[in-house]
């Protein structure tokens, strides 16, 4: 099942981030990349509250940023949706590899880490569960995004490619570099007592 939308020379990109420490730097790094890939054809959607983007708006007042509540629908404007960890563990300059995969026909392009740089807590979690979920670095067609979000009511990347495959989508796994997180703590890195 292809979720192909009408193509332009290069489709625009809506980037979705959850509000967190390090958001400003992650967004500004991404904007520099998007401006080179799809000039004037991108937006940033931040899931959280307006306070979380106030500093970002002050630093870059003309930046196309909108804030939505956690229970609200993101409703991306552009044909492609980019989701990424906001803790600096992925080099957003590698977004072009995901874009290439989508332009070759994939409905979803997810990054995978051929060489993992996880902290010890994350390694223990992976070992204990004996499973590795998708890394939080993905580009997908808006139709796929809307379908996945409507089914799960979640913006989480975990298991994104397996859910997309169950829908019959063409999924491309693209190798991406991973660095040690530099802008905060991964949401799933903490161990909580039940």
Protein backbone atom coordinates (compact mmCIF):
# COMPACT_ATOMS: atom_id res chain seq x y z
CA UNK A 1 0.00 0.00 0.00
CA UNK A 2 1.71 3.21 -1.15
CA UNK A 3 0.83 6.37 0.74
CA UNK A 4 2.34 8.45 -2.03
CA UNK A 5 1.21 12.04 -2.09
CA UNK A 6 1.49 14.39 -5.03
CA UNK A 7 5.19 15.11 -5.48
CA UNK A 8 6.84 18.47 -5.94
CA UNK A 9 10.45 18.83 -7.00
CA UNK A 10 11.32 18.25 -3.35
CA UNK A 11 8.55 17.78 -0.78
CA UNK A 12 8.38 20.04 2.25
CA UNK A 13 9.07 18.66 5.73
CA UNK A 14 7.20 19.07 9.01
CA UNK A 15 9.49 18.24 11.94
CA UNK A 16 7.89 17.09 15.20
CA UNK A 17 9.67 17.37 18.56
CA UNK A 18 8.56 16.84 22.14
CA UNK A 19 9.41 19.74 24.41
CA UNK A 20 12.54 19.16 26.50
CA UNK A 21 15.86 20.55 27.64
CA UNK A 22 18.06 21.09 24.64
CA UNK A 23 15.09 21.72 22.34
CA UNK A 24 16.40 25.09 21.13
CA UNK A 25 19.74 23.72 20.00
CA UNK A 26 18.19 20.63 18.40
CA UNK A 27 15.71 22.77 16.46
CA UNK A 28 18.28 25.35 15.35
CA UNK A 29 20.63 22.56 14.17
CA UNK A 30 17.77 20.98 12.22
CA UNK A 31 16.69 24.30 10.70
CA UNK A 32 20.18 24.79 9.27
CA UNK A 33 19.88 21.39 7.57
CA UNK A 34 16.29 21.88 6.40
CA UNK A 35 17.14 25.27 4.95
CA UNK A 36 19.68 23.53 2.71
CA UNK A 37 17.43 20.59 1.76
CA UNK A 38 14.00 22.21 1.40
CA UNK A 39 14.40 26.01 1.64
CA UNK A 40 11.25 27.80 2.79
CA UNK A 41 9.33 24.49 2.79
CA UNK A 42 9.46 23.35 6.40
CA UNK A 43 7.84 23.83 9.76
CA UNK A 44 8.68 22.83 13.33
CA UNK A 45 5.93 21.41 15.55
CA UNK A 46 6.69 21.27 19.28
CA UNK A 47 4.55 19.09 21.50
CA UNK A 48 4.37 20.79 24.89
CA UNK A 49 3.51 24.27 26.07
CA UNK A 50 4.22 27.71 24.63
CA UNK A 51 6.68 28.43 27.44
CA UNK A 52 8.94 25.68 26.11
CA UNK A 53 9.35 27.52 22.81
CA UNK A 54 9.52 31.10 24.10
CA UNK A 55 13.34 31.20 24.16
CA UNK A 56 13.49 29.63 20.72
CA UNK A 57 11.05 32.21 19.35
CA UNK A 58 13.13 35.00 20.91
CA UNK A 59 16.31 33.68 19.27
CA UNK A 60 14.71 33.08 15.87
CA UNK A 61 11.47 35.10 15.62
CA UNK A 62 10.84 34.25 11.94
CA UNK A 63 11.21 30.53 12.48
CA UNK A 64 8.05 28.60 11.48
CA UNK A 65 7.36 27.05 14.90
CA UNK A 66 4.01 26.08 16.35
CA UNK A 67 3.27 24.56 19.70
CA UNK A 68 0.56 22.00 20.38
CA UNK A 69 -0.62 20.27 23.54
CA UNK A 70 0.22 16.63 24.17
CA UNK A 71 -3.39 15.63 23.46
CA UNK A 72 -3.73 17.74 20.32
CA UNK A 73 -3.25 16.60 16.75
CA UNK A 74 -0.04 17.77 15.08
CA UNK A 75 -1.66 18.09 11.61
CA UNK A 76 1.54 18.49 9.60
CA UNK A 77 1.39 21.01 6.77
CA UNK A 78 3.97 19.37 4.53
CA UNK A 79 4.07 16.03 2.69
CA UNK A 80 6.82 14.54 4.86
CA UNK A 81 7.10 14.30 8.65
CA UNK A 82 10.44 14.07 10.44
CA UNK A 83 10.74 12.82 14.01
CA UNK A 84 14.00 12.66 15.93
CA UNK A 85 15.42 12.37 19.40
CA UNK A 86 16.05 15.87 20.67
CA UNK A 87 19.01 14.98 22.86
CA UNK A 88 21.66 15.42 20.17
CA UNK A 89 22.43 11.72 19.70
CA UNK A 90 21.85 11.81 15.93
CA UNK A 91 23.53 14.02 13.37
CA UNK A 92 20.63 15.80 11.68
CA UNK A 93 22.81 16.36 8.62
CA UNK A 94 22.06 12.70 7.84
CA UNK A 95 18.41 13.58 7.22
CA UNK A 96 19.36 13.76 3.54
CA UNK A 97 19.85 9.95 3.55
CA UNK A 98 16.29 9.46 4.81
CA UNK A 99 14.98 11.94 2.24
CA UNK A 100 16.78 10.05 -0.54
CA UNK A 101 15.11 6.79 0.56
CA UNK A 102 11.65 8.39 0.54
CA UNK A 103 12.27 9.99 -2.84
CA UNK A 104 13.17 6.50 -4.16
CA UNK A 105 9.70 5.30 -3.12
CA UNK A 106 9.76 4.38 0.56
CA UNK A 107 6.76 5.45 2.64
CA UNK A 108 8.90 5.43 5.77
CA UNK A 109 12.65 5.78 6.19
CA UNK A 110 13.92 4.90 9.65
CA UNK A 111 17.45 5.23 10.85
CA UNK A 112 19.15 2.30 12.43
CA UNK A 113 22.36 2.37 14.44
CA UNK A 114 24.97 -0.02 13.08
CA UNK A 115 27.28 1.08 15.90
CA UNK A 116 25.42 1.92 19.10
CA UNK A 117 26.66 4.52 21.57
CA UNK A 118 24.24 3.82 24.42
CA UNK A 119 24.86 4.58 28.07
CA UNK A 120 25.19 1.62 30.44
CA UNK A 121 21.59 1.95 31.68
CA UNK A 122 20.29 1.76 28.11
CA UNK A 123 22.47 -1.28 27.37
CA UNK A 124 21.09 -3.04 30.43
CA UNK A 125 17.53 -2.24 29.36
CA UNK A 126 18.18 -3.62 25.86
CA UNK A 127 19.82 -6.73 27.28
CA UNK A 128 17.00 -7.30 29.78
CA UNK A 129 14.31 -6.95 27.15
CA UNK A 130 16.40 -8.67 24.46
CA UNK A 131 14.93 -6.26 21.93
CA UNK A 132 16.00 -3.14 20.11
CA UNK A 133 13.31 -0.74 18.99
CA UNK A 134 13.74 1.77 16.19
CA UNK A 135 16.01 4.66 16.80
CA UNK A 136 14.29 8.01 17.04
CA UNK A 137 15.32 9.29 13.63
CA UNK A 138 12.68 8.80 10.95
CA UNK A 139 11.07 10.45 7.94
CA UNK A 140 7.65 9.37 6.77
CA UNK A 141 4.92 10.43 4.41
CA UNK A 142 2.18 12.52 5.97
CA UNK A 143 -0.50 9.91 5.19
CA UNK A 144 1.45 7.24 7.06
CA UNK A 145 2.06 9.62 9.97
CA UNK A 146 -1.64 10.45 10.24
CA UNK A 147 -2.59 6.79 10.14
CA UNK A 148 -0.03 5.73 12.77
CA UNK A 149 -0.85 8.60 15.12
CA UNK A 150 -4.60 8.05 14.79
CA UNK A 151 -4.16 4.35 15.63
CA UNK A 152 -1.89 4.81 18.62
CA UNK A 153 -2.66 8.35 19.82
CA UNK A 154 1.08 8.65 20.31
CA UNK A 155 3.97 10.49 18.67
CA UNK A 156 6.52 7.94 19.92
CA UNK A 157 8.97 6.40 17.42
CA UNK A 158 9.28 3.05 19.17
CA UNK A 159 8.24 0.25 16.85
CA UNK A 160 7.46 2.75 14.09
CA UNK A 161 8.77 0.61 11.24
CA UNK A 162 7.04 -2.56 12.42
CA UNK A 163 3.68 -0.78 12.69
CA UNK A 164 4.20 0.80 9.27
CA UNK A 165 5.03 -2.60 7.77
CA UNK A 166 1.83 -4.05 9.24
CA UNK A 167 -0.04 -1.30 7.36
CA UNK A 168 1.63 -2.48 4.15
CA UNK A 169 3.97 0.48 3.84
CA UNK A 170 7.30 0.36 2.06
CA UNK A 171 9.91 0.85 4.82
CA UNK A 172 13.58 1.65 4.19
CA UNK A 173 16.09 1.08 6.99
CA UNK A 174 18.90 3.59 6.61
CA UNK A 175 22.16 3.42 8.60
CA UNK A 176 22.77 6.58 10.65
CA UNK A 177 25.52 7.64 13.00
CA UNK A 178 24.86 7.83 16.71
CA UNK A 179 26.69 10.01 19.20
CA UNK A 180 26.48 10.10 22.94
CA UNK A 181 23.45 12.25 23.87
CA UNK A 182 24.60 15.81 24.52
CA UNK A 183 21.42 17.82 24.98
CA UNK A 184 19.59 16.00 27.75
CA UNK A 185 18.51 12.55 28.79
CA UNK A 186 16.66 10.09 26.57
CA UNK A 187 13.08 9.70 27.72
CA UNK A 188 13.43 5.95 28.21
CA UNK A 189 16.85 6.03 29.86
CA UNK A 190 15.60 6.23 33.41
CA UNK A 191 14.66 3.17 35.42
CA UNK A 192 11.56 3.67 37.55
CA UNK A 193 10.30 1.56 40.40
CA UNK A 194 6.81 0.19 39.88
